[in-house]
Amino acid sequence: MLFREIENPQLNPEEVRYRRWSYLVKDGMDSRWLVDKLERNGVTPVTHQKVCDLCSGDGSIPAILVDNGWKPGQITCIDQFKSPEPLVEGVTWKYLDISRLVWAIRREAEIPGEIKKLQSLFDLVTLFQSHAGMDIDAEACKYFAKPGGYILCP
């Protein structure tokens, strides 16, 4: 099996060495635009309960969602690194490299059951800080989104 969940993820080197990047208001961002965009597209905590945030970093996007009515227990954060200080409690963290996931999908390689069970599971999939490239980002988002789910990958 060439691809699997990362069992012992490293701390995120960007968060350890550099300024912590976040979408939170306290870090200088206006997070209302995110909620406004979702609402304009009919995406609410009632209509799109199960959320997957890819390349989660410190979990600032899930923190914004929780502040706006989403339930932490319905959110899965996926990143290849572990945040030294995650911003939201009660979410599920999974550690994997989405570029390797897409590579496995494209080559029809075996995908482990614990990752495969996340396929087409989520009503809302977000991805904001990827370094994988737009074609890989889009394919990863589609992997996790339910048919008819909403993908926010600006």
C-alpha atoms as a PDB file:
ATOM      1  CA  MET A   1       0.000   0.000   0.000  1.00  0.00           C
ATOM      2  CA  LEU A   2       1.660   3.221  -1.171  1.00  0.00           C
ATOM      3  CA  PHE A   3      -0.673   5.707   0.458  1.00  0.00           C
ATOM      4  CA  ARG A   4      -1.996   5.871   4.010  1.00  0.00           C
ATOM      5  CA  GLU A   5      -2.871   8.211   6.824  1.00  0.00           C
ATOM      6  CA  ILE A   6       0.171   9.738   8.555  1.00  0.00           C
ATOM      7  CA  GLU A   7       0.405   8.022  11.953  1.00  0.00           C
ATOM      8  CA  ASN A   8       2.800  10.392  13.728  1.00  0.00           C
ATOM      9  CA  PRO A   9       2.506  13.773  12.003  1.00  0.00           C
ATOM     10  CA  GLN A  10       5.267  16.338  12.464  1.00  0.00           C
ATOM     11  CA  LEU A  11       4.468  19.737  13.890  1.00  0.00           C
ATOM     12  CA  ASN A  12       3.689  22.168  11.098  1.00  0.00           C
ATOM     13  CA  PRO A  13       7.100  23.660  10.228  1.00  0.00           C
ATOM     14  CA  GLU A  14       5.523  26.911   9.016  1.00  0.00           C
ATOM     15  CA  GLU A  15       3.809  27.468  12.349  1.00  0.00           C
ATOM     16  CA  VAL A  16       6.939  26.598  14.294  1.00  0.00           C
ATOM     17  CA  ARG A  17       9.402  28.748  12.297  1.00  0.00           C
ATOM     18  CA  TYR A  18       7.306  31.607  11.028  1.00  0.00           C
ATOM     19  CA  ARG A  19       4.356  33.775  11.983  1.00  0.00           C
ATOM     20  CA  ARG A  20       1.294  31.695  12.508  1.00  0.00           C
ATOM     21  CA  TRP A  21      -1.070  32.170   9.559  1.00  0.00           C
ATOM     22  CA  SER A  22      -4.744  32.417  10.427  1.00  0.00           C
ATOM     23  CA  TYR A  23      -8.026  33.647   8.995  1.00  0.00           C
ATOM     24  CA  LEU A  24      -9.234  34.866  12.386  1.00  0.00           C
ATOM     25  CA  VAL A  25     -10.213  38.474  13.096  1.00  0.00           C
ATOM     26  CA  LYS A  26      -7.620  38.688  15.871  1.00  0.00           C
ATOM     27  CA  ASP A  27      -4.973  38.017  13.201  1.00  0.00           C
ATOM     28  CA  GLY A  28      -6.195  40.874  11.023  1.00  0.00           C
ATOM     29  CA  MET A  29      -8.621  39.046   8.749  1.00  0.00           C
ATOM     30  CA  ASP A  30     -12.279  39.883   8.139  1.00  0.00           C
ATOM     31  CA  SER A  31     -13.815  36.441   8.421  1.00  0.00           C
ATOM     32  CA  ARG A  32     -17.354  37.664   7.679  1.00  0.00           C
ATOM     33  CA  TRP A  33     -16.693  37.378   3.936  1.00  0.00           C
ATOM     34  CA  LEU A  34     -16.461  33.596   4.314  1.00  0.00           C
ATOM     35  CA  VAL A  35     -19.822  33.260   6.040  1.00  0.00           C
ATOM     36  CA  ASP A  36     -21.434  35.760   3.629  1.00  0.00           C
ATOM     37  CA  LYS A  37     -20.188  33.755   0.627  1.00  0.00           C
ATOM     38  CA  LEU A  38     -21.535  30.525   2.089  1.00  0.00           C
ATOM     39  CA  GLU A  39     -24.910  32.088   2.922  1.00  0.00           C
ATOM     40  CA  ARG A  40     -25.225  33.612  -0.585  1.00  0.00           C
ATOM     41  CA  ASN A  41     -24.852  30.081  -1.942  1.00  0.00           C
ATOM     42  CA  GLY A  42     -27.401  28.545   0.424  1.00  0.00           C
ATOM     43  CA  VAL A  43     -24.776  26.925   2.652  1.00  0.00           C
ATOM     44  CA  THR A  44     -25.698  27.014   6.345  1.00  0.00           C
ATOM     45  CA  PRO A  45     -25.064  24.863   9.431  1.00  0.00           C
ATOM     46  CA  VAL A  46     -28.512  23.329   8.842  1.00  0.00           C
ATOM     47  CA  THR A  47     -28.196  22.564   5.122  1.00  0.00           C
ATOM     48  CA  HIS A  48     -24.511  21.556   5.095  1.00  0.00           C
ATOM     49  CA  GLN A  49     -23.791  19.990   8.479  1.00  0.00           C
ATOM     50  CA  LYS A  50     -20.845  17.695   7.742  1.00  0.00           C
ATOM     51  CA  VAL A  51     -17.706  19.695   6.944  1.00  0.00           C
ATOM     52  CA  CYS A  52     -14.230  18.730   5.750  1.00  0.00           C
ATOM     53  CA  ASP A  53     -11.484  21.366   5.832  1.00  0.00           C
ATOM     54  CA  LEU A  54      -8.432  20.372   3.793  1.00  0.00           C
ATOM     55  CA  CYS A  55      -4.972  21.783   4.555  1.00  0.00           C
ATOM     56  CA  SER A  56      -6.409  22.921   7.873  1.00  0.00           C
ATOM     57  CA  GLY A  57      -3.257  24.343   9.413  1.00  0.00           C
ATOM     58  CA  ASP A  58      -4.316  25.620  12.819  1.00  0.00           C
ATOM     59  CA  GLY A  59      -8.030  25.102  12.143  1.00  0.00           C
ATOM     60  CA  SER A  60      -8.913  28.754  11.640  1.00  0.00           C
ATOM     61  CA  ILE A  61     -11.558  28.038   8.963  1.00  0.00           C
ATOM     62  CA  PRO A  62     -13.300  25.468  11.207  1.00  0.00           C
ATOM     63  CA  ALA A  63     -13.055  27.964  14.099  1.00  0.00           C
ATOM     64  CA  ILE A  64     -14.902  30.548  11.983  1.00  0.00           C
ATOM     65  CA  LEU A  65     -17.527  27.965  11.046  1.00  0.00           C
ATOM     66  CA  VAL A  66     -18.032  26.941  14.684  1.00  0.00           C
ATOM     67  CA  ASP A  67     -18.400  30.612  15.659  1.00  0.00           C
ATOM     68  CA  ASN A  68     -21.180  30.788  13.073  1.00  0.00           C
ATOM     69  CA  GLY A  69     -23.215  27.774  14.142  1.00  0.00           C
ATOM     70  CA  TRP A  70     -21.501  24.667  12.797  1.00  0.00           C
ATOM     71  CA  LYS A  71     -20.947  21.888  15.342  1.00  0.00           C
ATOM     72  CA  PRO A  72     -17.316  20.855  16.028  1.00  0.00           C
ATOM     73  CA  GLY A  73     -18.290  17.178  16.131  1.00  0.00           C
ATOM     74  CA  GLN A  74     -19.419  17.434  12.492  1.00  0.00           C
ATOM     75  CA  ILE A  75     -16.105  18.881  11.244  1.00  0.00           C
ATOM     76  CA  THR A  76     -13.089  16.906  10.028  1.00  0.00           C
ATOM     77  CA  CYS A  77      -9.772  18.740   9.599  1.00  0.00           C
ATOM     78  CA  ILE A  78      -7.220  17.207   7.250  1.00  0.00           C
ATOM     79  CA  ASP A  79      -3.575  18.264   7.058  1.00  0.00           C
ATOM     80  CA  GLN A  80      -0.225  16.558   6.595  1.00  0.00           C
ATOM     81  CA  PHE A  81       1.183  18.347   9.652  1.00  0.00           C
ATOM     82  CA  LYS A  82       0.003  18.736  13.222  1.00  0.00           C
ATOM     83  CA  SER A  83      -0.691  22.226  14.527  1.00  0.00           C
ATOM     84  CA  PRO A  84       1.134  23.069  17.760  1.00  0.00           C
ATOM     85  CA  GLU A  85      -1.950  25.045  18.862  1.00  0.00           C
ATOM     86  CA  PRO A  86      -5.188  24.022  17.125  1.00  0.00           C
ATOM     87  CA  LEU A  87      -7.811  26.766  17.372  1.00  0.00           C
ATOM     88  CA  VAL A  88     -10.964  24.713  17.783  1.00  0.00           C
ATOM     89  CA  GLU A  89     -11.739  21.821  20.103  1.00  0.00           C
ATOM     90  CA  GLY A  90     -13.968  18.873  19.360  1.00  0.00           C
ATOM     91  CA  VAL A  91     -13.194  18.497  15.645  1.00  0.00           C
ATOM     92  CA  THR A  92     -11.732  15.310  14.184  1.00  0.00           C
ATOM     93  CA  TRP A  93      -8.167  15.568  12.881  1.00  0.00           C
ATOM     94  CA  LYS A  94      -6.857  13.314  10.099  1.00  0.00           C
ATOM     95  CA  TYR A  95      -3.304  13.543   8.818  1.00  0.00           C
ATOM     96  CA  LEU A  96      -2.535  12.866   5.176  1.00  0.00           C
ATOM     97  CA  ASP A  97      -0.916  14.479   2.169  1.00  0.00           C
ATOM     98  CA  ILE A  98      -3.666  15.381  -0.313  1.00  0.00           C
ATOM     99  CA  SER A  99      -1.264  15.369  -3.255  1.00  0.00           C
ATOM    100  CA  ARG A 100      -0.441  11.724  -2.469  1.00  0.00           C
ATOM    101  CA  LEU A 101      -4.163  10.975  -2.187  1.00  0.00           C
ATOM    102  CA  VAL A 102      -4.808  12.436  -5.640  1.00  0.00           C
ATOM    103  CA  TRP A 103      -1.789  10.556  -6.999  1.00  0.00           C
ATOM    104  CA  ALA A 104      -3.293   7.321  -5.632  1.00  0.00           C
ATOM    105  CA  ILE A 105      -6.711   8.120  -7.126  1.00  0.00           C
ATOM    106  CA  ARG A 106      -5.257   8.868 -10.558  1.00  0.00           C
ATOM    107  CA  ARG A 107      -3.248   5.659 -10.602  1.00  0.00           C
ATOM    108  CA  GLU A 108      -6.091   3.617  -9.170  1.00  0.00           C
ATOM    109  CA  ALA A 109      -3.839   2.609  -6.298  1.00  0.00           C
ATOM    110  CA  GLU A 110      -5.237   1.093  -3.152  1.00  0.00           C
ATOM    111  CA  ILE A 111      -6.643   3.639  -0.701  1.00  0.00           C
ATOM    112  CA  PRO A 112      -6.881   2.454   2.904  1.00  0.00           C
ATOM    113  CA  GLY A 113     -10.318   1.909   4.399  1.00  0.00           C
ATOM    114  CA  GLU A 114      -9.970   4.647   7.024  1.00  0.00           C
ATOM    115  CA  ILE A 115      -9.492   7.202   4.238  1.00  0.00           C
ATOM    116  CA  LYS A 116     -11.871   5.600   1.744  1.00  0.00           C
ATOM    117  CA  LYS A 117     -14.715   5.859   4.263  1.00  0.00           C
ATOM    118  CA  LEU A 118     -14.354   9.666   4.043  1.00  0.00           C
ATOM    119  CA  GLN A 119     -15.009   9.645   0.285  1.00  0.00           C
ATOM    120  CA  SER A 120     -18.212  11.521  -0.683  1.00  0.00           C
ATOM    121  CA  LEU A 121     -19.049  12.010   2.998  1.00  0.00           C
ATOM    122  CA  PHE A 122     -19.149  15.788   3.411  1.00  0.00           C
ATOM    123  CA  ASP A 123     -21.781  18.421   2.635  1.00  0.00           C
ATOM    124  CA  LEU A 124     -19.193  21.219   2.653  1.00  0.00           C
ATOM    125  CA  VAL A 125     -15.508  20.952   1.737  1.00  0.00           C
ATOM    126  CA  THR A 126     -13.145  23.908   2.196  1.00  0.00           C
ATOM    127  CA  LEU A 127      -9.514  24.323   1.175  1.00  0.00           C
ATOM    128  CA  PHE A 128      -7.618  27.598   1.572  1.00  0.00           C
ATOM    129  CA  GLN A 129      -3.874  27.124   2.135  1.00  0.00           C
ATOM    130  CA  SER A 130      -2.691  24.357  -0.145  1.00  0.00           C
ATOM    131  CA  HIS A 131       0.693  24.112  -1.789  1.00  0.00           C
ATOM    132  CA  ALA A 132      -0.289  21.177  -3.991  1.00  0.00           C
ATOM    133  CA  GLY A 133      -1.602  23.061  -7.035  1.00  0.00           C
ATOM    134  CA  MET A 134      -5.061  23.916  -8.274  1.00  0.00           C
ATOM    135  CA  ASP A 135      -5.749  20.720 -10.232  1.00  0.00           C
ATOM    136  CA  ILE A 136      -4.793  18.576  -7.242  1.00  0.00           C
ATOM    137  CA  ASP A 137      -6.770  20.797  -4.850  1.00  0.00           C
ATOM    138  CA  ALA A 138      -9.931  20.498  -6.949  1.00  0.00           C
ATOM    139  CA  GLU A 139      -9.640  16.723  -7.266  1.00  0.00           C
ATOM    140  CA  ALA A 140      -9.046  16.299  -3.530  1.00  0.00           C
ATOM    141  CA  CYS A 141     -12.076  18.468  -2.734  1.00  0.00           C
ATOM    142  CA  LYS A 142     -14.254  16.406  -5.100  1.00  0.00           C
ATOM    143  CA  TYR A 143     -13.065  13.195  -3.438  1.00  0.00           C
ATOM    144  CA  PHE A 144     -14.417  14.260  -0.041  1.00  0.00           C
ATOM    145  CA  ALA A 145     -17.592  16.116  -1.146  1.00  0.00           C
ATOM    146  CA  LYS A 146     -20.966  14.419  -1.398  1.00  0.00           C
ATOM    147  CA  PRO A 147     -22.658  14.603  -4.785  1.00  0.00           C
ATOM    148  CA  GLY A 148     -24.356  17.999  -4.677  1.00  0.00           C
ATOM    149  CA  GLY A 149     -22.129  19.124  -1.805  1.00  0.00           C
ATOM    150  CA  TYR A 150     -20.593  22.592  -1.776  1.00  0.00           C
ATOM    151  CA  ILE A 151     -16.870  23.082  -2.393  1.00  0.00           C
ATOM    152  CA  LEU A 152     -15.161  26.318  -1.378  1.00  0.00           C
ATOM    153  CA  CYS A 153     -11.651  26.262  -2.781  1.00  0.00           C
ATOM    154  CA  PRO A 154     -10.841  29.875  -3.744  1.00  0.00           C
END
